[in-house]
Amino acid sequence: MRVLSLMMGFTTLAASLVFCAQASASEESQLVDSINQYRSQVQRCGNQGSQELPPLATDARLVLPVNNAGDLQQALARAAYPMVNVQAISLSGPRDAQSAMKAVRESFCRVVLDPQFVDIGVSNNGQDWRIVLARPLLTRGLGSSQAAGQQVLEMINAARNQPRQCGGQAFAATKPLAWNTQLASAADSHSRNMANNNFFDHLDRDGRTPGDRAELAGYIGQAISENIAAGLDTPRKVVDGWLASPGHCANLMNPQLRELGAAYGLDPKSDAGIYWTGLFGVQ
């Protein structure tokens, strides 16, 4: 279990602003929205690039007092949050959510772009902010990777049955995807590879792309697309996360894609614990 508390200092302005509780809550929600929008796009953080990430879910148990750093592990235990990993960012100085997001981008991009985190809580008191990101314990009863992959297929097909807006792109309802065992084999291999080797990327450790992996599994397609996810412990959370992310959503709704294979991989020693791959294709 790793617990990291981060602190950033800003020059305190002479004039102080007092916000009512409603305004403060609005600023907190705005910051969560800004962080999720930031995660939904490929970003450059230091010398590394990020993947498109599903949004973080707001969890009231992670909204901790701003002025009481304390022990994060104990605080979340008192809040009955079944934590595996948590990181906290403390900011002093930003007067609103926009300024706080600027500080997050400049100094804490690696924390908010870490794919293992799935939940967030933000608290604000004047010019002091506390952002807590966490990953909970995996729930039991997930079932086999094959069964979970089939559930992902059913949920994606339910989504494809209705018109949908994916970011700025509108999609009409389209035909359901068919299950493909070769794509499922490639998805299973990549999910287990990410879990066992503790990485999160479309490019595997041998430099293979999604198209390479599909071909190795015997699938020769005209087009291949891939969605990945980490830290989410049910097919419902995975599909909802993909639908809330414009790039992932566009893959799910793409009428040119006709087949799917999906699977998860588990490794408790990895950062995220569980990794998912959805591999889309058309022959």
C-alpha atoms as a PDB file:
ATOM      1  CA  MET A   1       0.000   0.000   0.000  1.00  0.00           C
ATOM      2  CA  ARG A   2       1.421   3.353  -0.987  1.00  0.00           C
ATOM      3  CA  VAL A   3       0.314   6.627   0.527  1.00  0.00           C
ATOM      4  CA  LEU A   4       1.684   9.876  -0.793  1.00  0.00           C
ATOM      5  CA  SER A   5       0.718  13.313   0.352  1.00  0.00           C
ATOM      6  CA  LEU A   6       1.815  16.192  -1.843  1.00  0.00           C
ATOM      7  CA  MET A   7       1.989  19.871  -0.913  1.00  0.00           C
ATOM      8  CA  MET A   8       2.401  22.886  -3.163  1.00  0.00           C
ATOM      9  CA  GLY A   9       2.868  26.463  -1.971  1.00  0.00           C
ATOM     10  CA  PHE A  10       1.673  29.669  -3.638  1.00  0.00           C
ATOM     11  CA  THR A  11       2.160  33.303  -2.726  1.00  0.00           C
ATOM     12  CA  THR A  12      -0.754  34.289  -0.549  1.00  0.00           C
ATOM     13  CA  LEU A  13      -2.661  37.272  -1.871  1.00  0.00           C
ATOM     14  CA  ALA A  14      -3.422  40.081   0.545  1.00  0.00           C
ATOM     15  CA  ALA A  15      -7.052  40.156  -0.397  1.00  0.00           C
ATOM     16  CA  SER A  16      -9.028  37.095   0.640  1.00  0.00           C
ATOM     17  CA  LEU A  17     -12.250  35.941  -0.936  1.00  0.00           C
ATOM     18  CA  VAL A  18     -15.053  34.371   1.034  1.00  0.00           C
ATOM     19  CA  PHE A  19     -17.286  31.956  -0.799  1.00  0.00           C
ATOM     20  CA  CYS A  20     -20.592  30.605   0.378  1.00  0.00           C
ATOM     21  CA  ALA A  21     -20.932  26.821   0.616  1.00  0.00           C
ATOM     22  CA  GLN A  22     -22.875  26.646  -2.646  1.00  0.00           C
ATOM     23  CA  ALA A  23     -20.213  28.542  -4.595  1.00  0.00           C
ATOM     24  CA  SER A  24     -17.458  26.420  -3.059  1.00  0.00           C
ATOM     25  CA  ALA A  25     -19.240  23.209  -4.022  1.00  0.00           C
ATOM     26  CA  SER A  26     -19.605  24.549  -7.546  1.00  0.00           C
ATOM     27  CA  GLU A  27     -15.872  25.288  -7.723  1.00  0.00           C
ATOM     28  CA  GLU A  28     -15.102  21.774  -6.483  1.00  0.00           C
ATOM     29  CA  SER A  29     -17.344  20.239  -9.136  1.00  0.00           C
ATOM     30  CA  GLN A  30     -15.748  22.430 -11.789  1.00  0.00           C
ATOM     31  CA  LEU A  31     -12.302  21.205 -10.789  1.00  0.00           C
ATOM     32  CA  VAL A  32     -13.410  17.562 -11.002  1.00  0.00           C
ATOM     33  CA  ASP A  33     -14.866  18.257 -14.462  1.00  0.00           C
ATOM     34  CA  SER A  34     -11.634  19.965 -15.551  1.00  0.00           C
ATOM     35  CA  ILE A  35      -9.504  17.051 -14.337  1.00  0.00           C
ATOM     36  CA  ASN A  36     -11.720  14.567 -16.172  1.00  0.00           C
ATOM     37  CA  GLN A  37     -11.618  16.603 -19.372  1.00  0.00           C
ATOM     38  CA  TYR A  38      -7.828  16.738 -19.060  1.00  0.00           C
ATOM     39  CA  ARG A  39      -7.682  12.941 -18.628  1.00  0.00           C
ATOM     40  CA  SER A  40      -9.945  12.336 -21.622  1.00  0.00           C
ATOM     41  CA  GLN A  41      -7.297  13.591 -24.070  1.00  0.00           C
ATOM     42  CA  VAL A  42      -3.767  12.459 -24.836  1.00  0.00           C
ATOM     43  CA  GLN A  43      -1.448  14.645 -22.751  1.00  0.00           C
ATOM     44  CA  ARG A  44       2.277  15.234 -22.537  1.00  0.00           C
ATOM     45  CA  CYS A  45       3.489  15.024 -18.936  1.00  0.00           C
ATOM     46  CA  GLY A  46       7.234  15.501 -18.499  1.00  0.00           C
ATOM     47  CA  ASN A  47       8.918  13.228 -21.009  1.00  0.00           C
ATOM     48  CA  GLN A  48       5.975  10.826 -21.227  1.00  0.00           C
ATOM     49  CA  GLY A  49       2.671  10.764 -23.072  1.00  0.00           C
ATOM     50  CA  SER A  50      -0.595   9.601 -21.552  1.00  0.00           C
ATOM     51  CA  GLN A  51      -3.434   7.495 -22.920  1.00  0.00           C
ATOM     52  CA  GLU A  52      -7.024   8.716 -23.124  1.00  0.00           C
ATOM     53  CA  LEU A  53      -8.497   7.851 -19.723  1.00  0.00           C
ATOM     54  CA  PRO A  54     -12.085   7.360 -18.546  1.00  0.00           C
ATOM     55  CA  PRO A  55     -13.383   9.933 -16.048  1.00  0.00           C
ATOM     56  CA  LEU A  56     -12.813   9.658 -12.328  1.00  0.00           C
ATOM     57  CA  ALA A  57     -15.945   9.049 -10.246  1.00  0.00           C
ATOM     58  CA  THR A  58     -16.692  11.500  -7.437  1.00  0.00           C
ATOM     59  CA  ASP A  59     -16.810   9.707  -4.078  1.00  0.00           C
ATOM     60  CA  ALA A  60     -17.952  11.631  -1.009  1.00  0.00           C
ATOM     61  CA  ARG A  61     -15.710   9.497   1.218  1.00  0.00           C
ATOM     62  CA  LEU A  62     -12.676  11.086  -0.444  1.00  0.00           C
ATOM     63  CA  VAL A  63     -13.793  14.643   0.361  1.00  0.00           C
ATOM     64  CA  LEU A  64     -11.498  15.186   3.338  1.00  0.00           C
ATOM     65  CA  PRO A  65     -10.967  18.371   5.408  1.00  0.00           C
ATOM     66  CA  VAL A  66      -8.589  20.775   3.689  1.00  0.00           C
ATOM     67  CA  ASN A  67      -6.750  21.911   6.807  1.00  0.00           C
ATOM     68  CA  ASN A  68      -6.268  18.512   8.408  1.00  0.00           C
ATOM     69  CA  ALA A  69      -3.522  16.626   6.549  1.00  0.00           C
ATOM     70  CA  GLY A  70      -3.311  13.756   9.033  1.00  0.00           C
ATOM     71  CA  ASP A  71      -2.879  10.177   7.934  1.00  0.00           C
ATOM     72  CA  LEU A  72      -4.681   9.436   4.681  1.00  0.00           C
ATOM     73  CA  GLN A  73      -4.939   5.732   5.406  1.00  0.00           C
ATOM     74  CA  GLN A  74      -6.604   6.337   8.761  1.00  0.00           C
ATOM     75  CA  ALA A  75      -8.892   9.025   7.348  1.00  0.00           C
ATOM     76  CA  LEU A  76     -10.170   6.725   4.606  1.00  0.00           C
ATOM     77  CA  ALA A  77     -10.551   3.858   7.070  1.00  0.00           C
ATOM     78  CA  ARG A  78     -12.784   6.081   9.205  1.00  0.00           C
ATOM     79  CA  ALA A  79     -14.757   6.967   6.058  1.00  0.00           C
ATOM     80  CA  ALA A  80     -15.171   3.223   5.267  1.00  0.00           C
ATOM     81  CA  TYR A  81     -13.428   3.551   1.909  1.00  0.00           C
ATOM     82  CA  PRO A  82     -11.762   0.177   1.076  1.00  0.00           C
ATOM     83  CA  MET A  83      -8.539   1.700  -0.199  1.00  0.00           C
ATOM     84  CA  VAL A  84      -5.735  -0.037  -2.039  1.00  0.00           C
ATOM     85  CA  ASN A  85      -3.845   3.070  -3.103  1.00  0.00           C
ATOM     86  CA  VAL A  86      -4.345   6.779  -2.571  1.00  0.00           C
ATOM     87  CA  GLN A  87      -2.581  10.017  -3.366  1.00  0.00           C
ATOM     88  CA  ALA A  88      -3.447  13.519  -2.206  1.00  0.00           C
ATOM     89  CA  ILE A  89      -2.615  16.904  -3.641  1.00  0.00           C
ATOM     90  CA  SER A  90      -2.784  20.004  -1.417  1.00  0.00           C
ATOM     91  CA  LEU A  91      -2.812  23.449  -2.985  1.00  0.00           C
ATOM     92  CA  SER A  92      -2.647  26.810  -1.240  1.00  0.00           C
ATOM     93  CA  GLY A  93      -3.298  29.974  -3.222  1.00  0.00           C
ATOM     94  CA  PRO A  94      -5.629  29.266  -6.188  1.00  0.00           C
ATOM     95  CA  ARG A  95      -8.745  31.448  -5.935  1.00  0.00           C
ATOM     96  CA  ASP A  96     -10.940  29.325  -8.200  1.00  0.00           C
ATOM     97  CA  ALA A  97     -11.150  25.988 -10.006  1.00  0.00           C
ATOM     98  CA  GLN A  98      -9.487  27.354 -13.127  1.00  0.00           C
ATOM     99  CA  SER A  99      -6.418  28.469 -11.176  1.00  0.00           C
ATOM    100  CA  ALA A 100      -6.324  25.196  -9.271  1.00  0.00           C
ATOM    101  CA  MET A 101      -6.429  23.236 -12.537  1.00  0.00           C
ATOM    102  CA  LYS A 102      -3.530  25.285 -13.890  1.00  0.00           C
ATOM    103  CA  ALA A 103      -1.489  24.290 -10.829  1.00  0.00           C
ATOM    104  CA  VAL A 104      -2.474  20.630 -11.237  1.00  0.00           C
ATOM    105  CA  ARG A 105      -1.411  20.597 -14.905  1.00  0.00           C
ATOM    106  CA  GLU A 106       1.910  22.267 -14.185  1.00  0.00           C
ATOM    107  CA  SER A 107       2.998  20.318 -11.121  1.00  0.00           C
ATOM    108  CA  PHE A 108       0.850  17.214 -10.611  1.00  0.00           C
ATOM    109  CA  CYS A 109       0.072  15.915 -14.092  1.00  0.00           C
ATOM    110  CA  ARG A 110       1.525  12.487 -13.317  1.00  0.00           C
ATOM    111  CA  VAL A 111      -0.823  12.042 -10.380  1.00  0.00           C
ATOM    112  CA  VAL A 112      -4.060  12.918 -12.188  1.00  0.00           C
ATOM    113  CA  LEU A 113      -2.987  11.010 -15.331  1.00  0.00           C
ATOM    114  CA  ASP A 114      -2.218   7.812 -13.413  1.00  0.00           C
ATOM    115  CA  PRO A 115      -4.590   5.189 -14.891  1.00  0.00           C
ATOM    116  CA  GLN A 116      -4.848   3.197 -11.666  1.00  0.00           C
ATOM    117  CA  PHE A 117      -7.014   5.827  -9.961  1.00  0.00           C
ATOM    118  CA  VAL A 118     -10.770   5.555 -10.451  1.00  0.00           C
ATOM    119  CA  ASP A 119     -12.276   7.761  -7.699  1.00  0.00           C
ATOM    120  CA  ILE A 120     -11.789  11.402  -6.695  1.00  0.00           C
ATOM    121  CA  GLY A 121     -12.797  13.774  -3.926  1.00  0.00           C
ATOM    122  CA  VAL A 122     -12.148  17.529  -3.893  1.00  0.00           C
ATOM    123  CA  SER A 123     -12.518  19.899  -0.964  1.00  0.00           C
ATOM    124  CA  ASN A 124     -12.030  23.670  -0.968  1.00  0.00           C
ATOM    125  CA  ASN A 125     -11.840  26.292   1.746  1.00  0.00           C
ATOM    126  CA  GLY A 126     -11.108  29.742   0.363  1.00  0.00           C
ATOM    127  CA  GLN A 127      -7.743  29.461  -1.377  1.00  0.00           C
ATOM    128  CA  ASP A 128      -6.893  26.048   0.054  1.00  0.00           C
ATOM    129  CA  TRP A 129      -7.655  22.875  -1.913  1.00  0.00           C
ATOM    130  CA  ARG A 130      -7.325  19.171  -1.307  1.00  0.00           C
ATOM    131  CA  ILE A 131      -7.635  16.651  -4.139  1.00  0.00           C
ATOM    132  CA  VAL A 132      -7.721  12.963  -3.186  1.00  0.00           C
ATOM    133  CA  LEU A 133      -7.440  10.254  -5.846  1.00  0.00           C
ATOM    134  CA  ALA A 134      -7.858   6.603  -4.903  1.00  0.00           C
ATOM    135  CA  ARG A 135      -8.297   3.053  -6.098  1.00  0.00           C
ATOM    136  CA  PRO A 136     -10.546   0.763  -4.033  1.00  0.00           C
ATOM    137  CA  LEU A 137     -10.294  -2.952  -3.446  1.00  0.00           C
ATOM    138  CA  LEU A 138     -11.599  -5.109  -6.270  1.00  0.00           C
ATOM    139  CA  THR A 139     -15.047  -6.560  -5.673  1.00  0.00           C
ATOM    140  CA  ARG A 140     -15.480 -10.320  -5.688  1.00  0.00           C
ATOM    141  CA  GLY A 141     -17.547 -12.399  -8.065  1.00  0.00           C
ATOM    142  CA  LEU A 142     -16.272 -10.891 -11.286  1.00  0.00           C
ATOM    143  CA  GLY A 143     -16.404 -14.233 -13.100  1.00  0.00           C
ATOM    144  CA  SER A 144     -14.089 -15.532 -15.794  1.00  0.00           C
ATOM    145  CA  SER A 145     -12.383 -13.235 -18.261  1.00  0.00           C
ATOM    146  CA  GLN A 146     -14.387 -14.846 -21.076  1.00  0.00           C
ATOM    147  CA  ALA A 147     -17.709 -14.277 -19.287  1.00  0.00           C
ATOM    148  CA  ALA A 148     -16.803 -10.684 -18.423  1.00  0.00           C
ATOM    149  CA  GLY A 149     -15.790 -10.034 -22.026  1.00  0.00           C
ATOM    150  CA  GLN A 150     -19.179 -11.296 -23.206  1.00  0.00           C
ATOM    151  CA  GLN A 151     -20.875  -8.927 -20.759  1.00  0.00           C
ATOM    152  CA  VAL A 152     -18.820  -6.054 -22.188  1.00  0.00           C
ATOM    153  CA  LEU A 153     -20.064  -7.028 -25.655  1.00  0.00           C
ATOM    154  CA  GLU A 154     -23.719  -7.042 -24.520  1.00  0.00           C
ATOM    155  CA  MET A 155     -23.391  -3.615 -22.901  1.00  0.00           C
ATOM    156  CA  ILE A 156     -21.628  -2.108 -25.911  1.00  0.00           C
ATOM    157  CA  ASN A 157     -24.323  -3.464 -28.222  1.00  0.00           C
ATOM    158  CA  ALA A 158     -27.001  -1.930 -25.998  1.00  0.00           C
ATOM    159  CA  ALA A 159     -25.177   1.398 -26.334  1.00  0.00           C
ATOM    160  CA  ARG A 160     -24.866   1.024 -30.110  1.00  0.00           C
ATOM    161  CA  ASN A 161     -28.625   0.498 -30.327  1.00  0.00           C
ATOM    162  CA  GLN A 162     -29.231   4.182 -29.525  1.00  0.00           C
ATOM    163  CA  PRO A 163     -28.006   7.475 -31.049  1.00  0.00           C
ATOM    164  CA  ARG A 164     -25.168   8.923 -29.010  1.00  0.00           C
ATOM    165  CA  GLN A 165     -23.001  12.013 -28.735  1.00  0.00           C
ATOM    166  CA  CYS A 166     -19.309  11.211 -28.218  1.00  0.00           C
ATOM    167  CA  GLY A 167     -17.744  14.533 -27.325  1.00  0.00           C
ATOM    168  CA  GLY A 168     -18.316  16.741 -30.348  1.00  0.00           C
ATOM    169  CA  GLN A 169     -19.177  13.845 -32.669  1.00  0.00           C
ATOM    170  CA  ALA A 170     -22.721  12.566 -33.162  1.00  0.00           C
ATOM    171  CA  PHE A 171     -23.375   8.914 -33.954  1.00  0.00           C
ATOM    172  CA  ALA A 172     -26.580   7.314 -35.167  1.00  0.00           C
ATOM    173  CA  ALA A 173     -27.730   3.974 -33.799  1.00  0.00           C
ATOM    174  CA  THR A 174     -25.877   1.171 -35.533  1.00  0.00           C
ATOM    175  CA  LYS A 175     -25.710  -2.604 -35.868  1.00  0.00           C
ATOM    176  CA  PRO A 176     -24.509  -4.767 -32.968  1.00  0.00           C
ATOM    177  CA  LEU A 177     -20.995  -6.143 -32.847  1.00  0.00           C
ATOM    178  CA  ALA A 178     -20.392  -9.870 -33.191  1.00  0.00           C
ATOM    179  CA  TRP A 179     -18.091 -11.783 -30.820  1.00  0.00           C
ATOM    180  CA  ASN A 180     -14.821 -12.912 -32.412  1.00  0.00           C
ATOM    181  CA  THR A 181     -12.699 -15.536 -30.639  1.00  0.00           C
ATOM    182  CA  GLN A 182      -9.463 -14.423 -32.315  1.00  0.00           C
ATOM    183  CA  LEU A 183      -9.945 -10.830 -31.167  1.00  0.00           C
ATOM    184  CA  ALA A 184     -10.884 -12.165 -27.724  1.00  0.00           C
ATOM    185  CA  SER A 185      -7.635 -14.151 -27.580  1.00  0.00           C
ATOM    186  CA  ALA A 186      -5.601 -11.070 -28.501  1.00  0.00           C
ATOM    187  CA  ALA A 187      -7.508  -8.954 -25.936  1.00  0.00           C
ATOM    188  CA  ASP A 188      -6.920 -11.554 -23.220  1.00  0.00           C
ATOM    189  CA  SER A 189      -3.205 -11.715 -24.001  1.00  0.00           C
ATOM    190  CA  HIS A 190      -2.786  -7.934 -23.892  1.00  0.00           C
ATOM    191  CA  SER A 191      -4.803  -7.541 -20.666  1.00  0.00           C
ATOM    192  CA  ARG A 192      -2.700 -10.183 -18.898  1.00  0.00           C
ATOM    193  CA  ASN A 193       0.478  -8.658 -20.322  1.00  0.00           C
ATOM    194  CA  MET A 194      -0.412  -5.222 -18.911  1.00  0.00           C
ATOM    195  CA  ALA A 195      -1.304  -6.714 -15.530  1.00  0.00           C
ATOM    196  CA  ASN A 196       1.722  -8.994 -15.214  1.00  0.00           C
ATOM    197  CA  ASN A 197       4.201  -6.373 -16.451  1.00  0.00           C
ATOM    198  CA  ASN A 198       2.555  -3.376 -14.750  1.00  0.00           C
ATOM    199  CA  PHE A 199       2.041  -1.048 -17.708  1.00  0.00           C
ATOM    200  CA  PHE A 200      -0.900   0.644 -19.412  1.00  0.00           C
ATOM    201  CA  ASP A 201      -0.494   1.256 -23.118  1.00  0.00           C
ATOM    202  CA  HIS A 202      -1.713   0.218 -26.556  1.00  0.00           C
ATOM    203  CA  LEU A 203       1.900  -0.523 -27.477  1.00  0.00           C
ATOM    204  CA  ASP A 204       3.106  -3.624 -25.641  1.00  0.00           C
ATOM    205  CA  ARG A 205       6.563  -4.252 -24.226  1.00  0.00           C
ATOM    206  CA  ASP A 206       7.625  -5.974 -27.458  1.00  0.00           C
ATOM    207  CA  GLY A 207       6.586  -2.950 -29.534  1.00  0.00           C
ATOM    208  CA  ARG A 208       3.488  -4.635 -30.953  1.00  0.00           C
ATOM    209  CA  THR A 209       0.425  -2.582 -31.895  1.00  0.00           C
ATOM    210  CA  PRO A 210      -3.218  -3.715 -31.573  1.00  0.00           C
ATOM    211  CA  GLY A 211      -3.127  -4.665 -35.266  1.00  0.00           C
ATOM    212  CA  ASP A 212       0.011  -6.741 -34.717  1.00  0.00           C
ATOM    213  CA  ARG A 213      -1.583  -8.610 -31.822  1.00  0.00           C
ATOM    214  CA  ALA A 214      -4.781  -9.270 -33.774  1.00  0.00           C
ATOM    215  CA  GLU A 215      -2.771 -10.645 -36.691  1.00  0.00           C
ATOM    216  CA  LEU A 216      -0.729 -12.883 -34.390  1.00  0.00           C
ATOM    217  CA  ALA A 217      -4.010 -14.289 -33.079  1.00  0.00           C
ATOM    218  CA  GLY A 218      -5.045 -15.125 -36.655  1.00  0.00           C
ATOM    219  CA  TYR A 219      -7.336 -12.153 -37.317  1.00  0.00           C
ATOM    220  CA  ILE A 220      -6.694 -10.453 -40.659  1.00  0.00           C
ATOM    221  CA  GLY A 221      -8.849  -7.359 -40.689  1.00  0.00           C
ATOM    222  CA  GLN A 222      -9.325  -4.229 -42.743  1.00  0.00           C
ATOM    223  CA  ALA A 223      -9.400  -2.082 -39.600  1.00  0.00           C
ATOM    224  CA  ILE A 224      -8.514  -2.582 -35.935  1.00  0.00           C
ATOM    225  CA  SER A 225      -9.269  -0.304 -32.965  1.00  0.00           C
ATOM    226  CA  GLU A 226      -8.609  -0.854 -29.274  1.00  0.00           C
ATOM    227  CA  ASN A 227      -9.955   0.460 -25.984  1.00  0.00           C
ATOM    228  CA  ILE A 228      -8.152  -0.211 -22.716  1.00  0.00           C
ATOM    229  CA  ALA A 229      -9.035   0.496 -19.082  1.00  0.00           C
ATOM    230  CA  ALA A 230      -7.461  -0.080 -15.673  1.00  0.00           C
ATOM    231  CA  GLY A 231      -8.588  -0.272 -12.060  1.00  0.00           C
ATOM    232  CA  LEU A 232     -12.281  -0.829 -12.871  1.00  0.00           C
ATOM    233  CA  ASP A 233     -13.688  -4.012 -11.405  1.00  0.00           C
ATOM    234  CA  THR A 234     -16.931  -4.625 -13.323  1.00  0.00           C
ATOM    235  CA  PRO A 235     -17.883  -4.670 -17.011  1.00  0.00           C
ATOM    236  CA  ARG A 236     -20.509  -1.994 -16.262  1.00  0.00           C
ATOM    237  CA  LYS A 237     -17.882   0.423 -14.947  1.00  0.00           C
ATOM    238  CA  VAL A 238     -15.616  -0.286 -17.912  1.00  0.00           C
ATOM    239  CA  VAL A 239     -18.279   0.374 -20.540  1.00  0.00           C
ATOM    240  CA  ASP A 240     -19.639   3.435 -18.713  1.00  0.00           C
ATOM    241  CA  GLY A 241     -16.110   4.819 -18.504  1.00  0.00           C
ATOM    242  CA  TRP A 242     -15.546   4.265 -22.208  1.00  0.00           C
ATOM    243  CA  LEU A 243     -18.870   5.886 -23.086  1.00  0.00           C
ATOM    244  CA  ALA A 244     -17.945   8.954 -21.024  1.00  0.00           C
ATOM    245  CA  SER A 245     -14.613   9.336 -22.858  1.00  0.00           C
ATOM    246  CA  PRO A 246     -15.015  10.849 -26.379  1.00  0.00           C
ATOM    247  CA  GLY A 247     -12.297   8.783 -28.069  1.00  0.00           C
ATOM    248  CA  HIS A 248     -13.326   5.497 -26.488  1.00  0.00           C
ATOM    249  CA  CYS A 249     -17.001   6.253 -27.141  1.00  0.00           C
ATOM    250  CA  ALA A 250     -16.271   6.864 -30.829  1.00  0.00           C
ATOM    251  CA  ASN A 251     -14.740   3.372 -31.105  1.00  0.00           C
ATOM    252  CA  LEU A 252     -17.791   1.823 -29.471  1.00  0.00           C
ATOM    253  CA  MET A 253     -20.171   3.623 -31.848  1.00  0.00           C
ATOM    254  CA  ASN A 254     -18.138   3.338 -35.045  1.00  0.00           C
ATOM    255  CA  PRO A 255     -20.483   1.696 -37.606  1.00  0.00           C
ATOM    256  CA  GLN A 256     -17.539   0.469 -39.689  1.00  0.00           C
ATOM    257  CA  LEU A 257     -16.383  -1.828 -36.878  1.00  0.00           C
ATOM    258  CA  ARG A 258     -18.293  -5.121 -36.835  1.00  0.00           C
ATOM    259  CA  GLU A 259     -16.576  -7.501 -34.360  1.00  0.00           C
ATOM    260  CA  LEU A 260     -15.263  -7.438 -30.804  1.00  0.00           C
ATOM    261  CA  GLY A 261     -13.147  -9.452 -28.419  1.00  0.00           C
ATOM    262  CA  ALA A 262     -12.806  -8.294 -24.795  1.00  0.00           C
ATOM    263  CA  ALA A 263     -11.067  -9.583 -21.672  1.00  0.00           C
ATOM    264  CA  TYR A 264      -9.476  -8.588 -18.382  1.00  0.00           C
ATOM    265  CA  GLY A 265      -6.184  -9.503 -16.719  1.00  0.00           C
ATOM    266  CA  LEU A 266      -5.511  -9.586 -12.967  1.00  0.00           C
ATOM    267  CA  ASP A 267      -2.334  -9.161 -10.970  1.00  0.00           C
ATOM    268  CA  PRO A 268      -2.539  -7.915  -7.354  1.00  0.00           C
ATOM    269  CA  LYS A 269       1.095  -6.810  -7.500  1.00  0.00           C
ATOM    270  CA  SER A 270       0.396  -4.357 -10.325  1.00  0.00           C
ATOM    271  CA  ASP A 271      -0.509  -0.725  -9.718  1.00  0.00           C
ATOM    272  CA  ALA A 272      -4.091  -0.975 -10.999  1.00  0.00           C
ATOM    273  CA  GLY A 273      -4.756  -4.620 -10.079  1.00  0.00           C
ATOM    274  CA  ILE A 274      -7.009  -5.226 -13.097  1.00  0.00           C
ATOM    275  CA  TYR A 275      -6.607  -4.243 -16.757  1.00  0.00           C
ATOM    276  CA  TRP A 276      -9.137  -4.469 -19.600  1.00  0.00           C
ATOM    277  CA  THR A 277      -8.852  -4.634 -23.383  1.00  0.00           C
ATOM    278  CA  GLY A 278     -11.600  -4.304 -25.964  1.00  0.00           C
ATOM    279  CA  LEU A 279     -10.368  -5.090 -29.480  1.00  0.00           C
ATOM    280  CA  PHE A 280     -12.613  -4.032 -32.369  1.00  0.00           C
ATOM    281  CA  GLY A 281     -12.243  -5.126 -35.969  1.00  0.00           C
ATOM    282  CA  VAL A 282     -13.792  -5.585 -39.401  1.00  0.00           C
ATOM    283  CA  GLN A 283     -12.748  -8.242 -41.897  1.00  0.00           C
END
